[in-house]
PDB file of N, CA and C in Angstrom:
ATOM      1  N   MET A   1     120.099  83.982 102.841  1.00  0.00           N
ATOM      2  CA  MET A   1     118.755  83.722 102.370  1.00  0.00           C
ATOM      3  C   MET A   1     117.942  85.011 102.482  1.00  0.00           C
ATOM      4  N   ALA A   2     117.343  85.417 101.407  1.00  0.00           N
ATOM      5  CA  ALA A   2     116.534  86.630 101.383  1.00  0.00           C
ATOM      6  C   ALA A   2     115.146  86.351 101.951  1.00  0.00           C
ATOM      7  N   LEU A   3     114.607  87.329 102.652  1.00  0.00           N
ATOM      8  CA  LEU A   3     113.250  87.199 103.183  1.00  0.00           C
ATOM      9  C   LEU A   3     112.242  87.383 102.057  1.00  0.00           C
ATOM     10  N   PRO A   4     111.116  86.659 102.108  1.00  0.00           N
ATOM     11  CA  PRO A   4     110.103  86.831 101.063  1.00  0.00           C
ATOM     12  C   PRO A   4     109.414  88.186 101.212  1.00  0.00           C
ATOM     13  N   SER A   5     108.957  88.718 100.109  1.00  0.00           N
ATOM     14  CA  SER A   5     108.225  89.984 100.131  1.00  0.00           C
ATOM     15  C   SER A   5     106.824  89.740 100.682  1.00  0.00           C
ATOM     16  N   PRO A   6     106.284  90.690 101.438  1.00  0.00           N
ATOM     17  CA  PRO A   6     104.927  90.502 101.958  1.00  0.00           C
ATOM     18  C   PRO A   6     103.902  90.574 100.823  1.00  0.00           C
ATOM     19  N   LYS A   7     102.853  89.775 100.945  1.00  0.00           N
ATOM     20  CA  LYS A   7     101.777  89.818  99.962  1.00  0.00           C
ATOM     21  C   LYS A   7     100.828  90.966 100.257  1.00  0.00           C
ATOM     22  N   HIS A   8     100.671  91.283 101.542  1.00  0.00           N
ATOM     23  CA  HIS A   8      99.803  92.384 101.965  1.00  0.00           C
ATOM     24  C   HIS A   8     100.469  93.079 103.141  1.00  0.00           C
ATOM     25  N   HIS A   9     100.330  94.402 103.195  1.00  0.00           N
ATOM     26  CA  HIS A   9     100.942  95.167 104.275  1.00  0.00           C
ATOM     27  C   HIS A   9     100.158  96.458 104.468  1.00  0.00           C
ATOM     28  N   TRP A  10      99.495  96.562 105.604  1.00  0.00           N
ATOM     29  CA  TRP A  10      98.756  97.772 105.929  1.00  0.00           C
ATOM     30  C   TRP A  10      99.580  98.591 106.907  1.00  0.00           C
ATOM     31  N   THR A  11      99.903  99.826 106.556  1.00  0.00           N
ATOM     32  CA  THR A  11     100.664 100.707 107.446  1.00  0.00           C
ATOM     33  C   THR A  11      99.747 101.631 108.237  1.00  0.00           C
ATOM     34  N   PHE A  12      98.508 101.757 107.834  1.00  0.00           N
ATOM     35  CA  PHE A  12      97.532 102.639 108.483  1.00  0.00           C
ATOM     36  C   PHE A  12      98.043 104.071 108.539  1.00  0.00           C
ATOM     37  N   ASN A  13      98.675 104.520 107.459  1.00  0.00           N
ATOM     38  CA  ASN A  13      99.146 105.902 107.386  1.00  0.00           C
ATOM     39  C   ASN A  13      98.010 106.898 107.239  1.00  0.00           C
ATOM     40  N   GLU A  14      96.815 106.419 106.962  1.00  0.00           N
ATOM     41  CA  GLU A  14      95.659 107.311 106.890  1.00  0.00           C
ATOM     42  C   GLU A  14      95.400 107.880 108.284  1.00  0.00           C
ATOM     43  N   SER A  15      95.163 109.142 108.369  1.00  0.00           N
ATOM     44  CA  SER A  15      94.924 109.740 109.689  1.00  0.00           C
ATOM     45  C   SER A  15      93.433 109.887 109.979  1.00  0.00           C
ATOM     46  N   SER A  16      92.589 109.649 108.988  1.00  0.00           N
ATOM     47  CA  SER A  16      91.146 109.724 109.191  1.00  0.00           C
ATOM     48  C   SER A  16      90.456 108.903 108.113  1.00  0.00           C
ATOM     49  N   GLY A  17      89.174 108.702 108.269  1.00  0.00           N
ATOM     50  CA  GLY A  17      88.391 107.964 107.295  1.00  0.00           C
ATOM     51  C   GLY A  17      88.088 106.553 107.762  1.00  0.00           C
ATOM     52  N   THR A  18      87.498 105.769 106.864  1.00  0.00           N
ATOM     53  CA  THR A  18      87.121 104.403 107.198  1.00  0.00           C
ATOM     54  C   THR A  18      87.705 103.389 106.215  1.00  0.00           C
ATOM     55  N   THR A  19      88.741 103.785 105.471  1.00  0.00           N
ATOM     56  CA  THR A  19      89.386 102.885 104.520  1.00  0.00           C
ATOM     57  C   THR A  19      90.897 102.952 104.693  1.00  0.00           C
ATOM     58  N   ALA A  20      91.550 101.789 104.685  1.00  0.00           N
ATOM     59  CA  ALA A  20      93.009 101.717 104.760  1.00  0.00           C
ATOM     60  C   ALA A  20      93.523 101.012 103.509  1.00  0.00           C
ATOM     61  N   ALA A  21      94.623 101.519 102.963  1.00  0.00           N
ATOM     62  CA  ALA A  21      95.195 100.949 101.742  1.00  0.00           C
ATOM     63  C   ALA A  21      96.320  99.972 102.076  1.00  0.00           C
ATOM     64  N   ASP A  22      96.390  98.905 101.309  1.00  0.00           N
ATOM     65  CA  ASP A  22      97.444  97.895 101.419  1.00  0.00           C
ATOM     66  C   ASP A  22      98.610  98.362 100.558  1.00  0.00           C
ATOM     67  N   SER A  23      99.771  98.592 101.166  1.00  0.00           N
ATOM     68  CA  SER A  23     100.904  99.145 100.420  1.00  0.00           C
ATOM     69  C   SER A  23     101.663  98.103  99.614  1.00  0.00           C
ATOM     70  N   ALA A  24     101.395  96.807  99.811  1.00  0.00           N
ATOM     71  CA  ALA A  24     102.135  95.768  99.073  1.00  0.00           C
ATOM     72  C   ALA A  24     101.283  95.091  98.007  1.00  0.00           C
ATOM     73  N   GLY A  25     100.051  94.762  98.331  1.00  0.00           N
ATOM     74  CA  GLY A  25      99.246  93.967  97.417  1.00  0.00           C
ATOM     75  C   GLY A  25      98.126  94.705  96.724  1.00  0.00           C
ATOM     76  N   GLY A  26      97.894  95.961  97.077  1.00  0.00           N
ATOM     77  CA  GLY A  26      96.856  96.740  96.421  1.00  0.00           C
ATOM     78  C   GLY A  26      95.447  96.491  96.931  1.00  0.00           C
ATOM     79  N   ALA A  27      95.281  95.730  98.007  1.00  0.00           N
ATOM     80  CA  ALA A  27      93.959  95.479  98.571  1.00  0.00           C
ATOM     81  C   ALA A  27      93.539  96.677  99.423  1.00  0.00           C
ATOM     82  N   THR A  28      92.314  96.675  99.879  1.00  0.00           N
ATOM     83  CA  THR A  28      91.828  97.717 100.776  1.00  0.00           C
ATOM     84  C   THR A  28      91.202  97.071 102.009  1.00  0.00           C
ATOM     85  N   MET A  29      91.117  97.850 103.079  1.00  0.00           N
ATOM     86  CA  MET A  29      90.444  97.414 104.298  1.00  0.00           C
ATOM     87  C   MET A  29      89.394  98.463 104.632  1.00  0.00           C
ATOM     88  N   ALA A  30      88.167  98.033 104.819  1.00  0.00           N
ATOM     89  CA  ALA A  30      87.081  98.924 105.207  1.00  0.00           C
ATOM     90  C   ALA A  30      86.793  98.710 106.688  1.00  0.00           C
ATOM     91  N   ILE A  31      86.694  99.806 107.415  1.00  0.00           N
ATOM     92  CA  ILE A  31      86.447  99.759 108.858  1.00  0.00           C
ATOM     93  C   ILE A  31      85.089 100.386 109.108  1.00  0.00           C
ATOM     94  N   ASP A  32      84.283  99.802 109.987  1.00  0.00           N
ATOM     95  CA  ASP A  32      82.922 100.287 110.183  1.00  0.00           C
ATOM     96  C   ASP A  32      82.841 101.665 110.843  1.00  0.00           C
ATOM     97  N   ARG A  33      83.841 102.069 111.583  1.00  0.00           N
ATOM     98  CA  ARG A  33      83.875 103.410 112.184  1.00  0.00           C
ATOM     99  C   ARG A  33      85.281 103.965 112.089  1.00  0.00           C
ATOM    100  N   GLU A  34      85.394 105.266 111.979  1.00  0.00           N
ATOM    101  CA  GLU A  34      86.711 105.904 111.963  1.00  0.00           C
ATOM    102  C   GLU A  34      87.380 105.649 113.309  1.00  0.00           C
ATOM    103  N   SER A  35      88.548 105.006 113.288  1.00  0.00           N
ATOM    104  CA  SER A  35      89.193 104.649 114.559  1.00  0.00           C
ATOM    105  C   SER A  35      90.709 104.559 114.451  1.00  0.00           C
ATOM    106  N   PHE A  36      91.314 105.387 113.601  1.00  0.00           N
ATOM    107  CA  PHE A  36      92.772 105.427 113.527  1.00  0.00           C
ATOM    108  C   PHE A  36      93.310 106.135 114.764  1.00  0.00           C
ATOM    109  N   VAL A  37      94.335 105.563 115.374  1.00  0.00           N
ATOM    110  CA  VAL A  37      94.935 106.128 116.585  1.00  0.00           C
ATOM    111  C   VAL A  37      96.459 106.069 116.460  1.00  0.00           C
ATOM    112  N   PRO A  38      97.171 106.963 117.171  1.00  0.00           N
ATOM    113  CA  PRO A  38      98.639 106.878 117.170  1.00  0.00           C
ATOM    114  C   PRO A  38      99.088 105.552 117.782  1.00  0.00           C
ATOM    115  N   ALA A  39     100.109 104.951 117.189  1.00  0.00           N
ATOM    116  CA  ALA A  39     100.635 103.668 117.674  1.00  0.00           C
ATOM    117  C   ALA A  39     102.147 103.786 117.858  1.00  0.00           C
ATOM    118  N   ARG A  40     102.795 102.690 118.166  1.00  0.00           N
ATOM    119  CA  ARG A  40     104.255 102.724 118.375  1.00  0.00           C
ATOM    120  C   ARG A  40     104.983 103.210 117.144  1.00  0.00           C
ATOM    121  N   ARG A  41     104.566 102.768 115.981  1.00  0.00           N
ATOM    122  CA  ARG A  41     105.165 103.210 114.714  1.00  0.00           C
ATOM    123  C   ARG A  41     104.048 103.684 113.810  1.00  0.00           C
ATOM    124  N   GLY A  42     103.837 104.959 113.732  1.00  0.00           N
ATOM    125  CA  GLY A  42     102.776 105.487 112.866  1.00  0.00           C
ATOM    126  C   GLY A  42     101.411 105.362 113.515  1.00  0.00           C
ATOM    127  N   ASN A  43     100.444 104.887 112.744  1.00  0.00           N
ATOM    128  CA  ASN A  43      99.070 104.759 113.217  1.00  0.00           C
ATOM    129  C   ASN A  43      98.672 103.309 113.371  1.00  0.00           C
ATOM    130  N   GLY A  44      97.569 103.096 114.038  1.00  0.00           N
ATOM    131  CA  GLY A  44      96.969 101.786 114.187  1.00  0.00           C
ATOM    132  C   GLY A  44      95.471 101.940 114.158  1.00  0.00           C
ATOM    133  N   VAL A  45      94.746 100.852 114.299  1.00  0.00           N
ATOM    134  CA  VAL A  45      93.293 100.873 114.362  1.00  0.00           C
ATOM    135  C   VAL A  45      92.889 100.372 115.732  1.00  0.00           C
ATOM    136  N   ARG A  46      92.039 101.124 116.411  1.00  0.00           N
ATOM    137  CA  ARG A  46      91.549 100.727 117.734  1.00  0.00           C
ATOM    138  C   ARG A  46      90.281  99.907 117.555  1.00  0.00           C
ATOM    139  N   PHE A  47      90.289  98.676 118.073  1.00  0.00           N
ATOM    140  CA  PHE A  47      89.108  97.825 118.059  1.00  0.00           C
ATOM    141  C   PHE A  47      88.514  97.823 119.453  1.00  0.00           C
ATOM    142  N   ASN A  48      87.348  98.445 119.588  1.00  0.00           N
ATOM    143  CA  ASN A  48      86.665  98.541 120.870  1.00  0.00           C
ATOM    144  C   ASN A  48      85.196  98.808 120.573  1.00  0.00           C
ATOM    145  N   PRO A  49      84.269  98.058 121.148  1.00  0.00           N
ATOM    146  CA  PRO A  49      82.857  98.265 120.825  1.00  0.00           C
ATOM    147  C   PRO A  49      82.319  99.633 121.234  1.00  0.00           C
ATOM    148  N   LYS A  50      82.962 100.305 122.204  1.00  0.00           N
ATOM    149  CA  LYS A  50      82.451 101.599 122.660  1.00  0.00           C
ATOM    150  C   LYS A  50      82.958 102.761 121.822  1.00  0.00           C
ATOM    151  N   ASP A  51      84.267 102.791 121.538  1.00  0.00           N
ATOM    152  CA  ASP A  51      84.804 103.977 120.854  1.00  0.00           C
ATOM    153  C   ASP A  51      85.796 103.651 119.745  1.00  0.00           C
ATOM    154  N   GLY A  52      85.738 102.462 119.220  1.00  0.00           N
ATOM    155  CA  GLY A  52      86.649 102.083 118.145  1.00  0.00           C
ATOM    156  C   GLY A  52      85.931 101.253 117.097  1.00  0.00           C
ATOM    157  N   ALA A  53      86.699 100.666 116.232  1.00  0.00           N
ATOM    158  CA  ALA A  53      86.132  99.819 115.188  1.00  0.00           C
ATOM    159  C   ALA A  53      85.565  98.543 115.792  1.00  0.00           C
ATOM    160  N   ARG A  54      84.493  98.060 115.212  1.00  0.00           N
ATOM    161  CA  ARG A  54      83.916  96.787 115.615  1.00  0.00           C
ATOM    162  C   ARG A  54      84.090  95.745 114.526  1.00  0.00           C
ATOM    163  N   LEU A  55      84.297  96.200 113.282  1.00  0.00           N
ATOM    164  CA  LEU A  55      84.374  95.278 112.159  1.00  0.00           C
ATOM    165  C   LEU A  55      85.325  95.827 111.109  1.00  0.00           C
ATOM    166  N   ALA A  56      86.190  94.982 110.575  1.00  0.00           N
ATOM    167  CA  ALA A  56      87.078  95.347 109.472  1.00  0.00           C
ATOM    168  C   ALA A  56      86.969  94.265 108.415  1.00  0.00           C
ATOM    169  N   THR A  57      86.754  94.666 107.175  1.00  0.00           N
ATOM    170  CA  THR A  57      86.680  93.725 106.066  1.00  0.00           C
ATOM    171  C   THR A  57      87.712  94.110 105.019  1.00  0.00           C
ATOM    172  N   THR A  58      88.221  93.131 104.293  1.00  0.00           N
ATOM    173  CA  THR A  58      89.233  93.408 103.279  1.00  0.00           C
ATOM    174  C   THR A  58      88.776  92.899 101.922  1.00  0.00           C
ATOM    175  N   SER A  59      89.473  93.382 100.898  1.00  0.00           N
ATOM    176  CA  SER A  59      89.218  92.902  99.545  1.00  0.00           C
ATOM    177  C   SER A  59      90.158  91.766  99.178  1.00  0.00           C
ATOM    178  N   VAL A  60      90.867  91.203 100.172  1.00  0.00           N
ATOM    179  CA  VAL A  60      91.781  90.082  99.936  1.00  0.00           C
ATOM    180  C   VAL A  60      90.943  88.843  99.645  1.00  0.00           C
ATOM    181  N   PRO A  61      91.198  88.154  98.528  1.00  0.00           N
ATOM    182  CA  PRO A  61      90.418  86.954  98.238  1.00  0.00           C
ATOM    183  C   PRO A  61      90.722  85.843  99.232  1.00  0.00           C
ATOM    184  N   GLY A  62      89.794  84.911  99.371  1.00  0.00           N
ATOM    185  CA  GLY A  62      89.972  83.796 100.298  1.00  0.00           C
ATOM    186  C   GLY A  62      91.118  82.892  99.889  1.00  0.00           C
ATOM    187  N   ARG A  63      91.664  82.200 100.862  1.00  0.00           N
ATOM    188  CA  ARG A  63      92.760  81.264 100.588  1.00  0.00           C
ATOM    189  C   ARG A  63      92.198  79.986 100.000  1.00  0.00           C
ATOM    190  N   PRO A  64      92.984  79.299  99.171  1.00  0.00           N
ATOM    191  CA  PRO A  64      92.529  78.002  98.675  1.00  0.00           C
ATOM    192  C   PRO A  64      92.507  76.988  99.810  1.00  0.00           C
ATOM    193  N   PRO A  65      91.689  75.947  99.696  1.00  0.00           N
ATOM    194  CA  PRO A  65      91.646  74.948 100.780  1.00  0.00           C
ATOM    195  C   PRO A  65      92.979  74.231 100.942  1.00  0.00           C
ATOM    196  N   LEU A  66      93.275  73.834 102.178  1.00  0.00           N
ATOM    197  CA  LEU A  66      94.506  73.095 102.455  1.00  0.00           C
ATOM    198  C   LEU A  66      94.397  71.693 101.903  1.00  0.00           C
ATOM    199  N   ARG A  67      95.508  71.174 101.457  1.00  0.00           N
ATOM    200  CA  ARG A  67      95.542  69.799 100.957  1.00  0.00           C
ATOM    201  C   ARG A  67      96.494  68.988 101.829  1.00  0.00           C
ATOM    202  N   GLY A  68      96.212  67.724 101.997  1.00  0.00           N
ATOM    203  CA  GLY A  68      97.109  66.868 102.763  1.00  0.00           C
ATOM    204  C   GLY A  68      96.468  66.380 104.044  1.00  0.00           C
ATOM    205  N   ALA A  69      97.290  66.274 105.089  1.00  0.00           N
ATOM    206  CA  ALA A  69      96.859  65.645 106.334  1.00  0.00           C
ATOM    207  C   ALA A  69      95.885  66.488 107.133  1.00  0.00           C
ATOM    208  N   TRP A  70      95.754  67.757 106.856  1.00  0.00           N
ATOM    209  CA  TRP A  70      94.919  68.635 107.688  1.00  0.00           C
ATOM    210  C   TRP A  70      93.512  68.794 107.130  1.00  0.00           C
ATOM    211  N   ARG A  71      92.941  67.787 106.605  1.00  0.00           N
ATOM    212  CA  ARG A  71      91.578  67.890 106.038  1.00  0.00           C
ATOM    213  C   ARG A  71      90.535  67.854 107.090  1.00  0.00           C
TER     214      ARG A  71
END
């Protein structure tokens, strides 16, 4: 069984700035402060109110409402 392809995938390969590109779905992520940091694999985003990002927003559209028993 083949694994499904990701709809969105952020690698955070950007080393500076306040925007990250989605390598699978073409969306973008805007971060309120520059906060890219080295991570285990490549870069990551540090979320910290003192010296990191406090807010990240994406251009990914909202999900449709769930149908069925979980209303």
